Amino acid sequence: MVIAPGGRIIAGPMHREKGILQAEIDPTAQTGSKRVLDVASHYARPDIFELRVNRLPVCPVRFDE
């Protein structure tokens, strides 16, 4: 499956057949949020951003008053 930067599927998926998916993309077409906050690449700030995984079980729904 090939997915555009905005999340739109532009090729695939291939369910039963075998093959190679090919699509043309514009490398300059990215979403604004990606340009503003890029926490995964070489611009990442490890002194500010961190990944935390809460392993405790939680209720899937919470109602606030």
Protein backbone atom coordinates (compact mmCIF):
# COMPACT_ATOMS: atom_id res chain seq x y z
CA MET A 1 0.00 0.00 0.00
CA VAL A 2 1.27 3.48 -0.83
CA ILE A 3 -0.11 6.30 1.30
CA ALA A 4 0.23 10.01 0.52
CA PRO A 5 1.53 12.39 3.23
CA GLY A 6 -2.04 13.50 3.98
CA GLY A 7 -3.14 9.91 4.64
CA ARG A 8 -4.89 9.21 1.32
CA ILE A 9 -4.24 5.75 -0.17
CA ILE A 10 -2.81 6.26 -3.67
CA ALA A 11 -1.94 2.64 -4.57
CA GLY A 12 -3.11 -0.73 -3.31
CA PRO A 13 -3.70 -2.62 -1.20
CA MET A 14 -3.10 -5.92 -2.95
CA HIS A 15 -5.18 -8.59 -1.25
CA ARG A 16 -5.10 -11.77 -3.31
CA GLU A 17 -2.63 -10.96 -6.07
CA LYS A 18 1.16 -10.77 -5.82
CA GLY A 19 3.11 -7.92 -7.36
CA ILE A 20 4.85 -4.62 -6.87
CA LEU A 21 2.92 -1.44 -6.17
CA GLN A 22 4.19 1.70 -7.84
CA ALA A 23 3.04 5.29 -7.46
CA GLU A 24 4.32 8.77 -8.20
CA ILE A 25 4.58 11.05 -5.21
CA ASP A 26 5.58 14.66 -4.68
CA PRO A 27 8.32 14.71 -2.01
CA THR A 28 7.54 18.34 -1.21
CA ALA A 29 3.90 17.55 -0.38
CA GLN A 30 3.89 17.02 3.35
CA THR A 31 1.49 18.11 6.02
CA GLY A 32 2.09 21.28 7.99
CA SER A 33 2.24 19.46 11.31
CA LYS A 34 5.11 17.31 10.07
CA ARG A 35 7.12 20.42 9.25
CA VAL A 36 6.34 22.03 12.60
CA LEU A 37 6.88 19.10 14.97
CA ASP A 38 9.27 16.41 13.78
CA VAL A 39 10.12 14.35 16.86
CA ALA A 40 11.48 11.28 15.08
CA SER A 41 14.19 12.48 12.72
CA HIS A 42 17.50 14.25 13.09
CA TYR A 43 15.75 17.42 14.25
CA ALA A 44 14.48 15.59 17.34
CA ARG A 45 15.22 17.09 20.71
CA PRO A 46 15.93 14.22 23.14
CA ASP A 47 16.16 16.76 25.95
CA ILE A 48 12.49 17.67 25.36
CA PHE A 49 10.74 14.67 23.77
CA GLU A 50 10.58 11.12 25.09
CA LEU A 51 8.47 8.03 24.49
CA ARG A 52 6.68 6.69 27.55
CA VAL A 53 4.66 3.47 27.56
CA ASN A 54 2.15 3.06 30.37
CA ARG A 55 1.91 -0.70 30.96
CA LEU A 56 -0.79 -0.41 33.60
CA PRO A 57 -4.29 -1.53 32.56
CA VAL A 58 -6.63 1.39 32.06
CA CYS A 59 -10.34 1.79 31.51
CA PRO A 60 -10.99 2.47 27.79
CA VAL A 61 -13.66 5.09 28.57
CA ARG A 62 -13.55 7.86 31.15
CA PHE A 63 -16.38 10.29 31.88
CA ASP A 64 -15.36 13.67 33.31
CA GLU A 65 -17.79 16.01 35.01
